[in-house]
């Protein structure tokens, strides 16, 4: 049998916040700092059961390759560039942007 104390205990690192009359919620500074959330950041909010979940919104909706295939022809009409020429530059740019979070091993 679970105790009342265990059922009502907050998860480690959890903090209380208050919903304003306009429905606004303040995300504690320590959490904003930890996740790199700055003023103006876009967040996606949804529910999972009775939980409210917030996560960074993607700048663009998910798109399949079929939806974007051939779009580059609008800006480039030359011959196809082999992957061996563009992939190293893309990997370097991704490592600069994402650092250790970027895994270019292909797995």
N, C-alpha and C. Protein backbone atom coordinates (compact mmCIF):
# COMPACT_ATOMS: atom_id res chain seq x y z
N UNK A 1 0.84 -1.18 0.00
CA UNK A 1 0.00 0.00 0.00
C UNK A 1 0.89 1.25 0.00
N UNK A 2 0.58 2.20 -0.88
CA UNK A 2 1.35 3.44 -0.95
C UNK A 2 0.90 4.41 0.12
N UNK A 3 1.85 5.11 0.69
CA UNK A 3 1.50 6.09 1.71
C UNK A 3 1.05 7.40 1.06
N UNK A 4 0.29 8.19 1.81
CA UNK A 4 -0.14 9.50 1.33
C UNK A 4 1.07 10.37 1.02
N UNK A 5 2.09 10.29 1.86
CA UNK A 5 3.29 11.10 1.67
C UNK A 5 3.96 10.77 0.33
N UNK A 6 4.05 9.48 0.01
CA UNK A 6 4.68 9.08 -1.25
C UNK A 6 3.83 9.51 -2.44
N UNK A 7 2.51 9.44 -2.31
CA UNK A 7 1.62 9.82 -3.40
C UNK A 7 1.65 11.31 -3.67
N UNK A 8 1.93 12.12 -2.66
CA UNK A 8 1.88 13.58 -2.81
C UNK A 8 3.26 14.22 -2.93
N UNK A 9 4.32 13.43 -2.85
CA UNK A 9 5.68 13.99 -2.93
C UNK A 9 5.96 14.48 -4.35
N UNK A 10 6.65 15.61 -4.44
CA UNK A 10 7.04 16.14 -5.75
C UNK A 10 8.27 15.40 -6.25
N UNK A 11 8.37 15.22 -7.57
CA UNK A 11 9.58 14.62 -8.13
C UNK A 11 10.78 15.52 -7.84
N UNK A 12 11.98 14.93 -7.81
CA UNK A 12 13.19 15.71 -7.55
C UNK A 12 13.32 16.85 -8.56
N UNK A 13 13.59 18.05 -8.08
CA UNK A 13 13.74 19.21 -8.95
C UNK A 13 12.43 19.90 -9.29
N UNK A 14 11.30 19.34 -8.88
CA UNK A 14 10.00 19.95 -9.19
C UNK A 14 9.80 21.20 -8.34
N UNK A 15 9.12 22.18 -8.92
CA UNK A 15 8.82 23.43 -8.21
C UNK A 15 7.38 23.80 -8.49
N UNK A 16 6.77 24.49 -7.54
CA UNK A 16 5.40 24.96 -7.74
C UNK A 16 5.43 26.31 -8.45
N UNK A 17 4.40 26.56 -9.24
CA UNK A 17 4.22 27.85 -9.89
C UNK A 17 2.73 28.14 -9.89
N UNK A 18 2.33 29.34 -10.21
CA UNK A 18 0.93 29.74 -10.16
C UNK A 18 0.45 30.17 -11.53
N UNK A 19 -0.79 29.83 -11.86
CA UNK A 19 -1.40 30.25 -13.12
C UNK A 19 -2.06 31.61 -12.87
N UNK A 20 -1.74 32.60 -13.71
CA UNK A 20 -2.32 33.94 -13.55
C UNK A 20 -3.76 33.95 -14.06
N UNK A 21 -4.43 35.07 -13.86
CA UNK A 21 -5.81 35.20 -14.35
C UNK A 21 -5.87 35.16 -15.87
N UNK A 22 -4.74 35.43 -16.54
CA UNK A 22 -4.67 35.35 -18.00
C UNK A 22 -4.22 33.98 -18.48
N UNK A 23 -4.02 33.03 -17.56
CA UNK A 23 -3.57 31.69 -17.93
C UNK A 23 -2.07 31.58 -18.11
N UNK A 24 -1.33 32.60 -17.70
CA UNK A 24 0.12 32.58 -17.86
C UNK A 24 0.77 31.82 -16.70
N UNK A 25 1.87 31.15 -17.01
CA UNK A 25 2.62 30.39 -16.01
C UNK A 25 4.07 30.84 -16.07
N UNK A 26 4.68 31.05 -14.92
CA UNK A 26 6.09 31.41 -14.88
C UNK A 26 6.90 30.13 -14.76
N UNK A 27 7.84 29.95 -15.68
CA UNK A 27 8.77 28.83 -15.61
C UNK A 27 9.93 29.29 -14.73
N UNK A 28 10.21 28.59 -13.64
CA UNK A 28 11.29 29.03 -12.74
C UNK A 28 12.61 29.24 -13.49
N UNK A 29 13.35 30.28 -13.06
CA UNK A 29 14.60 30.65 -13.73
C UNK A 29 15.58 29.49 -13.80
N UNK A 30 15.68 28.72 -12.74
CA UNK A 30 16.64 27.61 -12.75
C UNK A 30 16.32 26.61 -13.86
N UNK A 31 15.04 26.39 -14.13
CA UNK A 31 14.63 25.48 -15.20
C UNK A 31 14.89 26.13 -16.56
N UNK A 32 14.56 27.44 -16.69
CA UNK A 32 14.83 28.14 -17.96
C UNK A 32 16.32 28.10 -18.28
N UNK A 33 17.15 28.35 -17.27
CA UNK A 33 18.60 28.33 -17.47
C UNK A 33 19.08 26.93 -17.86
N UNK A 34 18.58 25.92 -17.17
CA UNK A 34 19.00 24.54 -17.44
C UNK A 34 18.67 24.12 -18.87
N UNK A 35 17.51 24.56 -19.37
CA UNK A 35 17.06 24.15 -20.70
C UNK A 35 17.35 25.18 -21.79
N UNK A 36 17.95 26.31 -21.41
CA UNK A 36 18.28 27.33 -22.41
C UNK A 36 17.06 28.01 -23.00
N UNK A 37 16.03 28.23 -22.18
CA UNK A 37 14.81 28.88 -22.64
C UNK A 37 14.95 30.38 -22.40
N UNK A 38 14.92 31.16 -23.47
CA UNK A 38 15.03 32.62 -23.38
C UNK A 38 13.67 33.25 -23.65
N UNK A 39 13.54 34.54 -23.33
CA UNK A 39 12.30 35.27 -23.61
C UNK A 39 11.98 35.16 -25.09
N UNK A 40 10.74 34.90 -25.41
CA UNK A 40 10.31 34.78 -26.79
C UNK A 40 10.41 33.38 -27.35
N UNK A 41 10.98 32.45 -26.59
CA UNK A 41 11.09 31.06 -27.06
C UNK A 41 9.69 30.48 -27.27
N UNK A 42 9.52 29.70 -28.32
CA UNK A 42 8.25 29.05 -28.61
C UNK A 42 8.22 27.69 -27.94
N UNK A 43 7.15 27.41 -27.22
CA UNK A 43 6.98 26.13 -26.55
C UNK A 43 5.71 25.47 -27.05
N UNK A 44 5.73 24.17 -27.12
CA UNK A 44 4.53 23.38 -27.46
C UNK A 44 3.97 22.87 -26.13
N UNK A 45 2.68 23.03 -25.93
CA UNK A 45 2.03 22.61 -24.69
C UNK A 45 0.97 21.57 -25.04
N UNK A 46 0.96 20.46 -24.30
CA UNK A 46 -0.04 19.43 -24.52
C UNK A 46 -0.25 18.66 -23.23
N UNK A 47 -1.22 17.79 -23.22
CA UNK A 47 -1.49 16.99 -22.03
C UNK A 47 -1.13 15.53 -22.28
N UNK A 48 -0.72 14.87 -21.23
CA UNK A 48 -0.52 13.42 -21.21
C UNK A 48 -1.29 12.94 -19.99
N UNK A 49 -2.48 12.41 -20.24
CA UNK A 49 -3.34 12.06 -19.11
C UNK A 49 -3.72 13.33 -18.38
N UNK A 50 -3.41 13.39 -17.09
CA UNK A 50 -3.71 14.59 -16.30
C UNK A 50 -2.49 15.48 -16.11
N UNK A 51 -1.45 15.25 -16.89
CA UNK A 51 -0.23 16.05 -16.80
C UNK A 51 -0.20 17.09 -17.90
N UNK A 52 0.35 18.25 -17.60
CA UNK A 52 0.59 19.29 -18.61
C UNK A 52 2.07 19.21 -18.97
N UNK A 53 2.36 19.11 -20.25
CA UNK A 53 3.74 18.96 -20.71
C UNK A 53 4.09 20.14 -21.61
N UNK A 54 5.27 20.71 -21.40
CA UNK A 54 5.78 21.77 -22.26
C UNK A 54 7.10 21.30 -22.84
N UNK A 55 7.31 21.55 -24.14
CA UNK A 55 8.58 21.22 -24.76
C UNK A 55 8.87 22.26 -25.83
N UNK A 56 10.12 22.35 -26.21
CA UNK A 56 10.51 23.30 -27.25
C UNK A 56 9.74 22.99 -28.53
N UNK A 57 9.15 24.02 -29.13
CA UNK A 57 8.42 23.84 -30.39
C UNK A 57 9.42 23.74 -31.52
N UNK A 58 9.15 22.90 -32.47
CA UNK A 58 10.01 22.80 -33.64
C UNK A 58 9.77 24.01 -34.53
N UNK A 59 10.84 24.57 -35.12
CA UNK A 59 10.65 25.76 -35.94
C UNK A 59 9.82 25.49 -37.19
N UNK A 60 9.79 24.25 -37.65
CA UNK A 60 9.03 23.88 -38.83
C UNK A 60 8.27 22.60 -38.53
N UNK A 61 7.11 22.40 -39.12
CA UNK A 61 6.39 21.14 -38.90
C UNK A 61 7.18 19.97 -39.49
N UNK A 62 6.95 18.78 -38.93
CA UNK A 62 7.61 17.59 -39.47
C UNK A 62 7.20 17.43 -40.93
N UNK A 63 8.17 17.10 -41.77
CA UNK A 63 7.95 17.01 -43.20
C UNK A 63 8.61 15.74 -43.71
N UNK A 64 7.93 15.05 -44.60
CA UNK A 64 8.52 13.84 -45.18
C UNK A 64 9.38 14.23 -46.39
N UNK A 65 10.28 13.33 -46.76
CA UNK A 65 11.13 13.57 -47.91
C UNK A 65 10.30 13.74 -49.18
N UNK A 66 9.20 12.99 -49.29
CA UNK A 66 8.33 13.11 -50.46
C UNK A 66 7.76 14.53 -50.60
N UNK A 67 7.49 15.18 -49.45
CA UNK A 67 6.91 16.52 -49.48
C UNK A 67 7.90 17.57 -49.95
N UNK A 68 9.18 17.35 -49.72
CA UNK A 68 10.17 18.37 -50.08
C UNK A 68 11.02 17.99 -51.28
N UNK A 69 10.87 16.79 -51.78
CA UNK A 69 11.66 16.34 -52.91
C UNK A 69 11.55 17.29 -54.09
N UNK A 70 12.66 17.72 -54.63
CA UNK A 70 12.65 18.60 -55.79
C UNK A 70 12.51 20.08 -55.48
N UNK A 71 12.32 20.46 -54.22
CA UNK A 71 12.14 21.87 -53.89
C UNK A 71 13.39 22.69 -54.17
N UNK A 72 14.57 22.07 -54.08
CA UNK A 72 15.82 22.79 -54.32
C UNK A 72 15.95 23.29 -55.74
N UNK A 73 15.19 22.71 -56.67
CA UNK A 73 15.27 23.13 -58.08
C UNK A 73 14.88 24.59 -58.24
N UNK A 74 14.15 25.12 -57.29
CA UNK A 74 13.74 26.52 -57.33
C UNK A 74 14.96 27.44 -57.24
N UNK A 75 16.01 27.00 -56.52
CA UNK A 75 17.19 27.83 -56.31
C UNK A 75 18.42 27.33 -57.04
N UNK A 76 18.42 26.07 -57.45
CA UNK A 76 19.62 25.49 -58.06
C UNK A 76 19.20 24.60 -59.21
N UNK A 77 19.78 24.85 -60.38
CA UNK A 77 19.40 24.05 -61.55
C UNK A 77 20.58 23.32 -62.17
N UNK A 78 21.73 23.33 -61.49
CA UNK A 78 22.92 22.68 -62.02
C UNK A 78 22.89 21.17 -61.80
N UNK A 79 24.01 20.53 -62.05
CA UNK A 79 24.08 19.08 -61.86
C UNK A 79 24.00 18.72 -60.37
N UNK A 80 23.59 17.50 -60.09
CA UNK A 80 23.51 17.03 -58.70
C UNK A 80 24.90 17.05 -58.08
N UNK A 81 24.98 17.49 -56.83
CA UNK A 81 26.25 17.54 -56.12
C UNK A 81 26.39 16.24 -55.34
N UNK A 82 27.49 15.51 -55.53
CA UNK A 82 27.65 14.23 -54.83
C UNK A 82 27.69 14.43 -53.31
N UNK A 83 27.14 13.46 -52.61
CA UNK A 83 27.11 13.51 -51.15
C UNK A 83 28.51 13.67 -50.57
N UNK A 84 29.50 13.07 -51.21
CA UNK A 84 30.88 13.16 -50.71
C UNK A 84 31.39 14.61 -50.67
N UNK A 85 30.77 15.50 -51.44
CA UNK A 85 31.17 16.91 -51.44
C UNK A 85 30.40 17.74 -50.42
N UNK A 86 29.10 17.46 -50.22
CA UNK A 86 28.33 18.31 -49.32
C UNK A 86 28.23 17.77 -47.90
N UNK A 87 28.35 16.46 -47.70
CA UNK A 87 28.17 15.89 -46.36
C UNK A 87 29.21 16.36 -45.34
N UNK A 88 30.52 16.43 -45.68
CA UNK A 88 31.49 16.93 -44.69
C UNK A 88 31.20 18.36 -44.23
N UNK A 89 30.78 19.22 -45.14
CA UNK A 89 30.45 20.60 -44.76
C UNK A 89 29.22 20.64 -43.86
N UNK A 90 28.24 19.81 -44.16
CA UNK A 90 27.04 19.75 -43.32
C UNK A 90 27.39 19.22 -41.93
N UNK A 91 28.20 18.17 -41.86
CA UNK A 91 28.61 17.62 -40.57
C UNK A 91 29.34 18.67 -39.73
N UNK A 92 30.25 19.42 -40.36
CA UNK A 92 31.00 20.45 -39.64
C UNK A 92 30.06 21.54 -39.11
N UNK A 93 29.11 21.96 -39.92
CA UNK A 93 28.14 22.98 -39.49
C UNK A 93 27.28 22.46 -38.34
N UNK A 94 26.87 21.22 -38.41
CA UNK A 94 26.04 20.64 -37.34
C UNK A 94 26.84 20.53 -36.04
N UNK A 95 28.11 20.15 -36.13
CA UNK A 95 28.94 20.06 -34.92
C UNK A 95 29.15 21.44 -34.31
N UNK A 96 29.34 22.47 -35.18
CA UNK A 96 29.48 23.84 -34.65
C UNK A 96 28.21 24.26 -33.94
N UNK A 97 27.07 23.92 -34.50
CA UNK A 97 25.79 24.35 -33.92
C UNK A 97 25.41 23.53 -32.70
N UNK A 98 25.56 22.21 -32.77
CA UNK A 98 25.06 21.34 -31.71
C UNK A 98 26.15 20.73 -30.85
N UNK A 99 27.41 20.88 -31.23
CA UNK A 99 28.52 20.36 -30.42
C UNK A 99 28.43 18.87 -30.21
N UNK A 100 28.63 18.46 -28.97
CA UNK A 100 28.66 17.03 -28.66
C UNK A 100 27.31 16.35 -28.87
N UNK A 101 26.22 17.12 -28.97
CA UNK A 101 24.89 16.53 -29.15
C UNK A 101 24.71 15.97 -30.55
N UNK A 102 25.52 16.43 -31.51
CA UNK A 102 25.37 15.97 -32.88
C UNK A 102 26.19 14.72 -33.10
N UNK A 103 25.54 13.67 -33.55
CA UNK A 103 26.20 12.39 -33.82
C UNK A 103 26.16 12.15 -35.31
N UNK A 104 27.31 12.27 -35.98
CA UNK A 104 27.34 12.07 -37.42
C UNK A 104 27.79 10.66 -37.79
N UNK A 105 27.64 9.72 -36.85
CA UNK A 105 28.10 8.36 -37.12
C UNK A 105 27.14 7.59 -38.01
N UNK A 106 25.94 8.16 -38.24
CA UNK A 106 24.97 7.49 -39.10
C UNK A 106 24.14 6.44 -38.40
N UNK A 107 24.29 6.31 -37.09
CA UNK A 107 23.50 5.32 -36.36
C UNK A 107 22.28 5.93 -35.75
